[in-house]
Every structure is written in structure tokens, then in C-alpha cells.
PDB file of N, CA and C in Angstrom:
ATOM      1  N   MET A   1      37.424 -30.846   3.784  1.00  0.00           N
ATOM      2  CA  MET A   1      38.545 -31.183   3.314  1.00  0.00           C
ATOM      3  C   MET A   1      39.567 -30.500   3.959  1.00  0.00           C
ATOM      4  N   THR A   2      40.516 -31.362   4.484  1.00  0.00           N
ATOM      5  CA  THR A   2      41.213 -30.591   5.668  1.00  0.00           C
ATOM      6  C   THR A   2      42.373 -29.920   5.469  1.00  0.00           C
ATOM      7  N   GLY A   3      42.867 -29.680   4.080  1.00  0.00           N
ATOM      8  CA  GLY A   3      43.968 -28.956   3.787  1.00  0.00           C
ATOM      9  C   GLY A   3      44.982 -29.497   4.205  1.00  0.00           C
ATOM     10  N   ILE A   4      44.860 -30.348   4.088  1.00  0.00           N
ATOM     11  CA  ILE A   4      46.830 -31.015   4.359  1.00  0.00           C
ATOM     12  C   ILE A   4      47.785 -31.594   3.041  1.00  0.00           C
ATOM     13  N   ALA A   5      47.054 -31.705   2.343  1.00  0.00           N
ATOM     14  CA  ALA A   5      47.677 -31.895   0.996  1.00  0.00           C
ATOM     15  C   ALA A   5      48.398 -30.407   0.429  1.00  0.00           C
ATOM     16  N   PHE A   6      47.138 -29.955   0.749  1.00  0.00           N
ATOM     17  CA  PHE A   6      47.803 -28.433  -0.205  1.00  0.00           C
ATOM     18  C   PHE A   6      48.475 -26.947   0.924  1.00  0.00           C
ATOM     19  N   GLY A   7      48.222 -27.310   2.467  1.00  0.00           N
ATOM     20  CA  GLY A   7      48.605 -26.604   3.135  1.00  0.00           C
ATOM     21  C   GLY A   7      46.720 -25.905   3.557  1.00  0.00           C
ATOM     22  N   PRO A   8      47.647 -25.232   4.975  1.00  0.00           N
ATOM     23  CA  PRO A   8      46.651 -24.534   5.419  1.00  0.00           C
ATOM     24  C   PRO A   8      45.831 -23.207   4.837  1.00  0.00           C
ATOM     25  N   SER A   9      46.697 -22.819   4.014  1.00  0.00           N
ATOM     26  CA  SER A   9      45.129 -21.824   3.303  1.00  0.00           C
ATOM     27  C   SER A   9      44.923 -22.219   1.582  1.00  0.00           C
ATOM     28  N   TYR A  10      44.721 -23.382   1.441  1.00  0.00           N
ATOM     29  CA  TYR A  10      44.129 -23.997   0.515  1.00  0.00           C
ATOM     30  C   TYR A  10      42.394 -23.746   0.202  1.00  0.00           C
ATOM     31  N   GLN A  11      42.278 -22.629  -0.832  1.00  0.00           N
ATOM     32  CA  GLN A  11      40.992 -21.951  -0.715  1.00  0.00           C
ATOM     33  C   GLN A  11      39.910 -23.250  -2.144  1.00  0.00           C
ATOM     34  N   PRO A  12      39.583 -24.247  -2.521  1.00  0.00           N
ATOM     35  CA  PRO A  12      39.234 -25.073  -3.434  1.00  0.00           C
ATOM     36  C   PRO A  12      38.511 -23.877  -4.355  1.00  0.00           C
ATOM     37  N   ALA A  13      37.808 -24.177  -5.536  1.00  0.00           N
ATOM     38  CA  ALA A  13      38.032 -23.155  -6.375  1.00  0.00           C
ATOM     39  C   ALA A  13      36.116 -23.553  -6.303  1.00  0.00           C
ATOM     40  N   SER A  14      35.187 -22.727  -6.256  1.00  0.00           N
ATOM     41  CA  SER A  14      33.923 -23.210  -6.099  1.00  0.00           C
ATOM     42  C   SER A  14      33.467 -23.133  -7.305  1.00  0.00           C
ATOM     43  N   THR A  15      32.313 -24.341  -7.948  1.00  0.00           N
ATOM     44  CA  THR A  15      31.500 -24.155  -8.864  1.00  0.00           C
ATOM     45  C   THR A  15      30.442 -23.839  -9.301  1.00  0.00           C
ATOM     46  N   LYS A  16      30.279 -23.757  -7.956  1.00  0.00           N
ATOM     47  CA  LYS A  16      28.714 -23.315  -7.859  1.00  0.00           C
ATOM     48  C   LYS A  16      28.269 -21.681  -8.011  1.00  0.00           C
ATOM     49  N   GLY A  17      29.464 -20.907  -8.312  1.00  0.00           N
ATOM     50  CA  GLY A  17      29.278 -19.503  -8.168  1.00  0.00           C
ATOM     51  C   GLY A  17      28.814 -19.250  -9.462  1.00  0.00           C
ATOM     52  N   LYS A  18      29.183 -17.587  -9.416  1.00  0.00           N
ATOM     53  CA  LYS A  18      28.365 -17.248 -10.994  1.00  0.00           C
ATOM     54  C   LYS A  18      29.076 -17.765 -12.400  1.00  0.00           C
ATOM     55  N   PRO A  19      28.011 -18.216 -13.191  1.00  0.00           N
ATOM     56  CA  PRO A  19      28.694 -19.185 -14.493  1.00  0.00           C
ATOM     57  C   PRO A  19      29.343 -17.626 -15.372  1.00  0.00           C
ATOM     58  N   SER A  20      30.704 -18.660 -16.495  1.00  0.00           N
ATOM     59  CA  SER A  20      31.655 -18.189 -16.938  1.00  0.00           C
ATOM     60  C   SER A  20      30.419 -17.411 -18.322  1.00  0.00           C
ATOM     61  N   LYS A  21      31.180 -16.306 -18.942  1.00  0.00           N
ATOM     62  CA  LYS A  21      30.998 -16.147 -20.262  1.00  0.00           C
ATOM     63  C   LYS A  21      30.301 -16.944 -21.200  1.00  0.00           C
ATOM     64  N   LEU A  22      31.557 -18.239 -21.232  1.00  0.00           N
ATOM     65  CA  LEU A  22      31.224 -19.440 -22.596  1.00  0.00           C
ATOM     66  C   LEU A  22      30.180 -19.812 -21.870  1.00  0.00           C
ATOM     67  N   HIS A  23      30.282 -20.164 -20.502  1.00  0.00           N
ATOM     68  CA  HIS A  23      29.110 -21.317 -19.592  1.00  0.00           C
ATOM     69  C   HIS A  23      27.599 -20.131 -20.472  1.00  0.00           C
ATOM     70  N   LYS A  24      27.609 -19.634 -20.565  1.00  0.00           N
ATOM     71  CA  LYS A  24      26.036 -18.591 -20.922  1.00  0.00           C
ATOM     72  C   LYS A  24      26.017 -18.709 -22.181  1.00  0.00           C
ATOM     73  N   ARG A  25      27.298 -18.698 -23.112  1.00  0.00           N
ATOM     74  CA  ARG A  25      27.326 -18.125 -24.155  1.00  0.00           C
ATOM     75  C   ARG A  25      26.623 -19.842 -24.830  1.00  0.00           C
ATOM     76  N   LYS A  26      27.130 -20.825 -24.182  1.00  0.00           N
ATOM     77  CA  LYS A  26      26.546 -22.476 -24.725  1.00  0.00           C
ATOM     78  C   LYS A  26      25.594 -22.557 -23.747  1.00  0.00           C
ATOM     79  N   HIS A  27      24.793 -21.716 -23.368  1.00  0.00           N
ATOM     80  CA  HIS A  27      23.751 -22.405 -22.755  1.00  0.00           C
ATOM     81  C   HIS A  27      23.567 -23.580 -21.969  1.00  0.00           C
ATOM     82  N   GLN A  28      24.331 -23.757 -21.170  1.00  0.00           N
ATOM     83  CA  GLN A  28      24.838 -24.463 -20.262  1.00  0.00           C
ATOM     84  C   GLN A  28      23.559 -24.714 -19.366  1.00  0.00           C
ATOM     85  N   ILE A  29      23.306 -25.794 -18.422  1.00  0.00           N
ATOM     86  CA  ILE A  29      22.199 -25.797 -17.809  1.00  0.00           C
ATOM     87  C   ILE A  29      22.495 -25.291 -16.354  1.00  0.00           C
ATOM     88  N   GLY A  30      23.682 -25.286 -15.716  1.00  0.00           N
ATOM     89  CA  GLY A  30      24.293 -24.981 -14.648  1.00  0.00           C
ATOM     90  C   GLY A  30      23.975 -23.409 -14.564  1.00  0.00           C
ATOM     91  N   SER A  31      25.060 -22.561 -15.999  1.00  0.00           N
ATOM     92  CA  SER A  31      24.102 -20.779 -15.516  1.00  0.00           C
ATOM     93  C   SER A  31      22.397 -20.807 -16.561  1.00  0.00           C
ATOM     94  N   LEU A  32      21.593 -21.902 -16.595  1.00  0.00           N
ATOM     95  CA  LEU A  32      20.512 -21.367 -16.517  1.00  0.00           C
ATOM     96  C   LEU A  32      19.790 -21.600 -15.403  1.00  0.00           C
ATOM     97  N   LEU A  33      20.218 -22.769 -14.664  1.00  0.00           N
ATOM     98  CA  LEU A  33      19.919 -22.998 -13.412  1.00  0.00           C
ATOM     99  C   LEU A  33      20.299 -21.146 -12.105  1.00  0.00           C
ATOM    100  N   PHE A  34      21.398 -21.216 -13.001  1.00  0.00           N
ATOM    101  CA  PHE A  34      21.697 -19.339 -12.098  1.00  0.00           C
ATOM    102  C   PHE A  34      21.051 -18.533 -12.038  1.00  0.00           C
ATOM    103  N   ASP A  35      20.522 -17.996 -13.338  1.00  0.00           N
ATOM    104  CA  ASP A  35      19.748 -17.008 -13.721  1.00  0.00           C
ATOM    105  C   ASP A  35      17.918 -17.274 -13.475  1.00  0.00           C
ATOM    106  N   MET A  36      17.576 -18.750 -13.223  1.00  0.00           N
ATOM    107  CA  MET A  36      16.642 -18.810 -13.093  1.00  0.00           C
ATOM    108  C   MET A  36      15.776 -18.318 -11.479  1.00  0.00           C
ATOM    109  N   LYS A  37      17.497 -18.773 -10.639  1.00  0.00           N
ATOM    110  CA  LYS A  37      17.604 -18.831  -9.254  1.00  0.00           C
ATOM    111  C   LYS A  37      17.579 -17.215  -9.045  1.00  0.00           C
ATOM    112  N   GLN A  38      18.414 -16.211  -9.856  1.00  0.00           N
ATOM    113  CA  GLN A  38      18.213 -14.769  -9.599  1.00  0.00           C
ATOM    114  C   GLN A  38      16.817 -13.758 -10.128  1.00  0.00           C
ATOM    115  N   LYS A  39      16.204 -14.605 -11.136  1.00  0.00           N
ATOM    116  CA  LYS A  39      15.014 -14.041 -11.180  1.00  0.00           C
ATOM    117  C   LYS A  39      13.834 -14.610 -10.547  1.00  0.00           C
ATOM    118  N   GLN A  40      13.582 -15.596  -9.656  1.00  0.00           N
ATOM    119  CA  GLN A  40      12.801 -16.222  -9.016  1.00  0.00           C
ATOM    120  C   GLN A  40      12.033 -15.372  -8.338  1.00  0.00           C
ATOM    121  N   MET A  41      12.813 -14.305  -7.518  1.00  0.00           N
ATOM    122  CA  MET A  41      11.951 -13.371  -6.404  1.00  0.00           C
ATOM    123  C   MET A  41      11.819 -12.538  -6.800  1.00  0.00           C
ATOM    124  N   GLU A  42      12.038 -11.976  -8.487  1.00  0.00           N
ATOM    125  CA  GLU A  42      11.429 -10.884  -8.835  1.00  0.00           C
ATOM    126  C   GLU A  42      10.041 -11.085  -9.395  1.00  0.00           C
ATOM    127  N   LEU A  43      10.131 -12.461 -10.044  1.00  0.00           N
ATOM    128  CA  LEU A  43       8.836 -13.272 -10.690  1.00  0.00           C
ATOM    129  C   LEU A  43       7.767 -12.946  -9.763  1.00  0.00           C
ATOM    130  N   GLN A  44       8.114 -13.517  -8.037  1.00  0.00           N
ATOM    131  CA  GLN A  44       6.869 -13.942  -7.191  1.00  0.00           C
ATOM    132  C   GLN A  44       6.457 -12.498  -6.836  1.00  0.00           C
ATOM    133  N   GLU A  45       7.355 -11.612  -6.582  1.00  0.00           N
ATOM    134  CA  GLU A  45       6.969  -9.928  -6.139  1.00  0.00           C
ATOM    135  C   GLU A  45       5.996  -9.407  -7.190  1.00  0.00           C
ATOM    136  N   ARG A  46       6.277  -9.530  -8.850  1.00  0.00           N
ATOM    137  CA  ARG A  46       5.682  -9.068  -9.546  1.00  0.00           C
ATOM    138  C   ARG A  46       4.369  -9.819  -9.675  1.00  0.00           C
ATOM    139  N   ARG A  47       3.919 -11.308  -9.121  1.00  0.00           N
ATOM    140  CA  ARG A  47       2.611 -12.202  -9.413  1.00  0.00           C
ATOM    141  C   ARG A  47       2.226 -11.348  -8.187  1.00  0.00           C
ATOM    142  N   SER A  48       2.540 -11.426  -6.791  1.00  0.00           N
ATOM    143  CA  SER A  48       1.620 -10.642  -6.036  1.00  0.00           C
ATOM    144  C   SER A  48       1.292  -9.427  -6.277  1.00  0.00           C
ATOM    145  N   ARG A  49       1.627  -8.116  -6.814  1.00  0.00           N
ATOM    146  CA  ARG A  49       1.660  -7.332  -7.455  1.00  0.00           C
ATOM    147  C   ARG A  49       0.117  -7.114  -8.328  1.00  0.00           C
ATOM    148  N   GLY A  50       0.493  -8.114  -8.886  1.00  0.00           N
ATOM    149  CA  GLY A  50      -0.830  -8.693 -10.025  1.00  0.00           C
ATOM    150  C   GLY A  50      -2.039  -9.490  -9.298  1.00  0.00           C
ATOM    151  N   LEU A  51      -1.593  -9.665  -8.316  1.00  0.00           N
ATOM    152  CA  LEU A  51      -3.242 -10.201  -7.338  1.00  0.00           C
ATOM    153  C   LEU A  51      -3.357  -9.047  -6.441  1.00  0.00           C
ATOM    154  N   LEU A  52      -2.394  -8.803  -6.255  1.00  0.00           N
ATOM    155  CA  LEU A  52      -3.184  -7.145  -5.607  1.00  0.00           C
ATOM    156  C   LEU A  52      -3.810  -6.374  -5.792  1.00  0.00           C
ATOM    157  N   THR A  53      -3.465  -5.875  -7.614  1.00  0.00           N
ATOM    158  CA  THR A  53      -4.602  -5.505  -8.147  1.00  0.00           C
ATOM    159  C   THR A  53      -5.446  -5.798  -8.659  1.00  0.00           C
ATOM    160  N   LYS A  54      -5.343  -7.162  -9.083  1.00  0.00           N
ATOM    161  CA  LYS A  54      -6.964  -7.890  -9.811  1.00  0.00           C
ATOM    162  C   LYS A  54      -8.175  -7.563  -8.201  1.00  0.00           C
ATOM    163  N   SER A  55      -7.029  -8.012  -7.108  1.00  0.00           N
ATOM    164  CA  SER A  55      -8.457  -7.819  -5.835  1.00  0.00           C
ATOM    165  C   SER A  55      -8.703  -6.452  -5.683  1.00  0.00           C
ATOM    166  N   GLN A  56      -7.740  -5.274  -5.597  1.00  0.00           N
ATOM    167  CA  GLN A  56      -8.084  -4.301  -6.179  1.00  0.00           C
ATOM    168  C   GLN A  56      -9.306  -3.708  -6.981  1.00  0.00           C
ATOM    169  N   THR A  57      -9.254  -4.085  -8.264  1.00  0.00           N
ATOM    170  CA  THR A  57     -10.233  -4.176  -9.404  1.00  0.00           C
ATOM    171  C   THR A  57     -11.364  -4.415  -8.436  1.00  0.00           C
ATOM    172  N   GLN A  58     -11.872  -5.466  -7.968  1.00  0.00           N
ATOM    173  CA  GLN A  58     -12.960  -6.386  -7.821  1.00  0.00           C
ATOM    174  C   GLN A  58     -13.534  -5.567  -6.858  1.00  0.00           C
ATOM    175  N   ALA A  59     -13.042  -5.402  -5.957  1.00  0.00           N
ATOM    176  CA  ALA A  59     -13.183  -4.196  -4.549  1.00  0.00           C
ATOM    177  C   ALA A  59     -14.127  -2.983  -4.941  1.00  0.00           C
ATOM    178  N   LYS A  60     -13.205  -2.209  -5.921  1.00  0.00           N
ATOM    179  CA  LYS A  60     -13.432  -1.229  -6.830  1.00  0.00           C
ATOM    180  C   LYS A  60     -14.703  -1.882  -7.550  1.00  0.00           C
ATOM    181  N   TYR A  61     -15.157  -1.885  -8.294  1.00  0.00           N
ATOM    182  CA  TYR A  61     -15.989  -2.594  -9.230  1.00  0.00           C
ATOM    183  C   TYR A  61     -16.971  -3.659  -8.245  1.00  0.00           C
ATOM    184  N   GLY A  62     -17.068  -4.231  -7.133  1.00  0.00           N
ATOM    185  CA  GLY A  62     -17.756  -4.559  -6.927  1.00  0.00           C
ATOM    186  C   GLY A  62     -18.123  -6.481  -7.456  1.00  0.00           C
ATOM    187  N   TRP A  63     -17.431  -6.880  -8.097  1.00  0.00           N
ATOM    188  CA  TRP A  63     -17.485  -8.002  -8.690  1.00  0.00           C
ATOM    189  C   TRP A  63     -17.100  -8.932  -8.021  1.00  0.00           C
TER     190      TRP A  63
END
């Protein structure tokens, strides 16, 4: 977008940002996608810690 129609300082509203309270309350798919992306790294870290603990237990008891 060049900004010719609205002027050089025109900033379009981004719809890909944080969902509004209404979107969260209505469980809209965009809101759920935003939440999923927020929690994805946390879940991966939790899984890796679980695998590490499992391998430590196997090493400790020789399974």
C-alpha cells in the first residue's frame, strides 16, 4: 500500500494482532489460533523436560 489515497501517515489497522474480548468470548477461530501460537513453545518445552526426565530415570535404574 502506497498511502496515496489516505496520506503518507496512514497506518492500516492490523487484524492479525491480539483478539478482542468479544472474539475470545465468542471462541472465534482467530482467537483460538492466537492462543495456540502463544502456548506452542511452552508445550514443546514441557515435552522436552518430560523426555529428559524419562531418560534420566532409565539411566538411573538401568531399564
